Amino acid sequence: MTSTPTPGAPSPGTPASSLDPAIAARLRRGADGLVPAIAQQYDTGEVLMLGWMDDEALHRTLTTGRCTYWSRSRQEYWVKGDTSGHVQRVRSVALDCDADTVLVRVDQTGAACHTGDRTCFDADVLPLAE
């Protein structure tokens, strides 16, 4: 069962007129209108999590100073920390060289992962070869 976007919220892939046109022109979105957004702790470089943004989520992130993502499962926008208190305050935002990934450097309060861990990337998949 697929839910519909929050009433009044643009669906992903619909360019938001409020996003700076220069950024919107550079941004390379996937077929679903989304780009991956990597959250990184600004002072340590620790990779915290990966979320998804469309034009509107990026605009909200840039203008509010709080990370806003698009939930692919709930089909709605969510601001990190609104329910958990584990807020991501934006320190800087950058696009990668292909403009198809966003790097958001944040000051993370509490856990970044929904499991309660500091980072979503704390489990090694394979041991490193020596």
Protein backbone atom coordinates (compact mmCIF):
# COMPACT_ATOMS: atom_id res chain seq x y z
CA MET A 1 0.00 0.00 0.00
CA THR A 2 1.41 3.36 -0.99
CA SER A 3 0.43 6.46 0.92
CA THR A 4 0.03 9.84 -0.69
CA PRO A 5 2.04 12.98 0.07
CA THR A 6 0.94 15.30 2.84
CA PRO A 7 -1.83 17.61 1.58
CA GLY A 8 -0.33 20.81 0.24
CA ALA A 9 3.18 19.34 0.01
CA PRO A 10 4.67 18.93 -3.45
CA SER A 11 5.40 15.36 -4.41
CA PRO A 12 9.06 14.50 -4.95
CA GLY A 13 10.22 15.33 -8.41
CA THR A 14 8.13 18.48 -8.61
CA PRO A 15 10.67 21.30 -8.64
CA ALA A 16 9.82 23.80 -5.94
CA SER A 17 9.85 27.34 -7.23
CA SER A 18 11.28 28.44 -3.87
CA LEU A 19 14.62 26.65 -4.42
CA ASP A 20 17.28 29.02 -5.76
CA PRO A 21 17.10 28.64 -9.57
CA ALA A 22 20.90 28.35 -9.85
CA ILE A 23 20.90 25.39 -7.44
CA ALA A 24 17.85 23.83 -9.09
CA ALA A 25 19.53 24.06 -12.50
CA ARG A 26 22.65 22.26 -11.24
CA LEU A 27 20.93 19.55 -9.22
CA ARG A 28 20.77 16.16 -10.94
CA ARG A 29 17.82 14.26 -9.53
CA GLY A 30 16.97 10.60 -9.91
CA ALA A 31 13.90 9.48 -11.87
CA ASP A 32 11.88 9.87 -8.66
CA GLY A 33 13.01 13.51 -8.28
CA LEU A 34 15.19 12.72 -5.27
CA VAL A 35 18.89 13.07 -4.47
CA PRO A 36 20.74 11.27 -1.70
CA ALA A 37 21.72 13.56 1.17
CA ILE A 38 24.60 12.52 3.40
CA ALA A 39 24.64 14.00 6.89
CA GLN A 40 28.15 14.41 8.32
CA GLN A 41 29.20 15.76 11.72
CA TYR A 42 30.81 19.09 10.82
CA ASP A 43 33.72 19.05 13.29
CA THR A 44 34.76 15.37 13.28
CA GLY A 45 33.87 14.25 9.75
CA GLU A 46 31.86 11.32 11.13
CA VAL A 47 29.28 10.13 8.58
CA LEU A 48 25.96 10.02 10.41
CA MET A 49 23.22 8.99 8.01
CA LEU A 50 21.82 9.05 4.50
CA GLY A 51 18.44 10.59 3.72
CA TRP A 52 16.64 11.71 0.59
CA MET A 53 15.80 15.23 -0.54
CA ASP A 54 13.81 16.77 -3.34
CA ASP A 55 13.91 20.45 -4.26
CA GLU A 56 11.51 21.43 -1.49
CA ALA A 57 13.36 19.47 1.20
CA LEU A 58 16.63 21.09 0.13
CA HIS A 59 15.00 24.53 0.14
CA ARG A 60 13.63 23.96 3.65
CA THR A 61 17.04 22.72 4.83
CA LEU A 62 18.79 25.80 3.44
CA THR A 63 16.27 28.29 4.80
CA THR A 64 15.53 26.84 8.24
CA GLY A 65 18.98 25.58 9.21
CA ARG A 66 17.47 22.20 10.15
CA CYS A 67 17.70 19.09 7.96
CA THR A 68 14.47 18.27 6.17
CA TYR A 69 14.20 14.99 4.29
CA TRP A 70 11.63 13.24 2.12
CA SER A 71 10.45 9.95 3.61
CA ARG A 72 10.09 7.44 0.80
CA SER A 73 8.12 5.05 3.02
CA ARG A 74 5.72 7.62 4.51
CA GLN A 75 5.64 9.84 1.40
CA GLU A 76 6.04 13.02 3.44
CA TYR A 77 8.63 15.55 4.58
CA TRP A 78 10.23 15.17 7.99
CA VAL A 79 12.53 17.41 9.94
CA LYS A 80 15.25 15.50 11.77
CA GLY A 81 14.64 15.78 15.49
CA ASP A 82 11.04 16.98 15.47
CA THR A 83 9.85 13.82 17.21
CA SER A 84 13.07 12.43 18.71
CA GLY A 85 14.76 15.65 19.81
CA HIS A 86 17.90 14.46 17.96
CA VAL A 87 18.26 17.62 15.91
CA GLN A 88 20.61 18.25 12.99
CA ARG A 89 21.60 21.92 12.85
CA VAL A 90 23.04 22.73 9.44
CA ARG A 91 26.56 24.16 9.32
CA SER A 92 27.11 23.91 5.54
CA VAL A 93 25.68 22.30 2.42
CA ALA A 94 27.61 21.20 -0.67
CA LEU A 95 26.89 19.35 -3.90
CA ASP A 96 29.29 16.71 -5.14
CA CYS A 97 31.13 17.14 -8.45
CA ASP A 98 28.25 15.59 -10.43
CA ALA A 99 25.60 17.55 -8.49
CA ASP A 100 23.72 14.31 -7.81
CA THR A 101 24.45 14.03 -4.08
CA VAL A 102 24.11 16.56 -1.29
CA LEU A 103 26.53 16.70 1.64
CA VAL A 104 25.05 18.39 4.68
CA ARG A 105 27.54 19.13 7.44
CA VAL A 106 25.59 19.29 10.68
CA ASP A 107 25.92 19.65 14.41
CA GLN A 108 24.10 16.51 15.55
CA THR A 109 22.34 16.45 18.91
CA GLY A 110 21.94 12.89 20.17
CA ALA A 111 21.54 9.89 17.90
CA ALA A 112 21.34 10.24 14.14
CA CYS A 113 20.06 6.70 13.55
CA HIS A 114 16.47 5.62 14.19
CA THR A 115 17.90 2.69 16.19
CA GLY A 116 19.26 5.11 18.78
CA ASP A 117 22.89 4.80 17.65
CA ARG A 118 25.01 7.87 17.03
CA THR A 119 25.48 6.90 13.37
CA CYS A 120 23.71 4.62 10.93
CA PHE A 121 27.13 3.44 9.72
CA ASP A 122 28.50 1.61 12.73
CA ALA A 123 28.31 -1.98 11.50
CA ASP A 124 31.24 -3.31 9.45
CA VAL A 125 30.04 -5.49 6.59
CA LEU A 126 33.34 -7.14 5.77
CA PRO A 127 36.67 -7.26 7.56
CA LEU A 128 39.40 -5.30 5.81
CA ALA A 129 42.04 -7.33 3.99
CA GLU A 130 45.52 -6.97 5.35
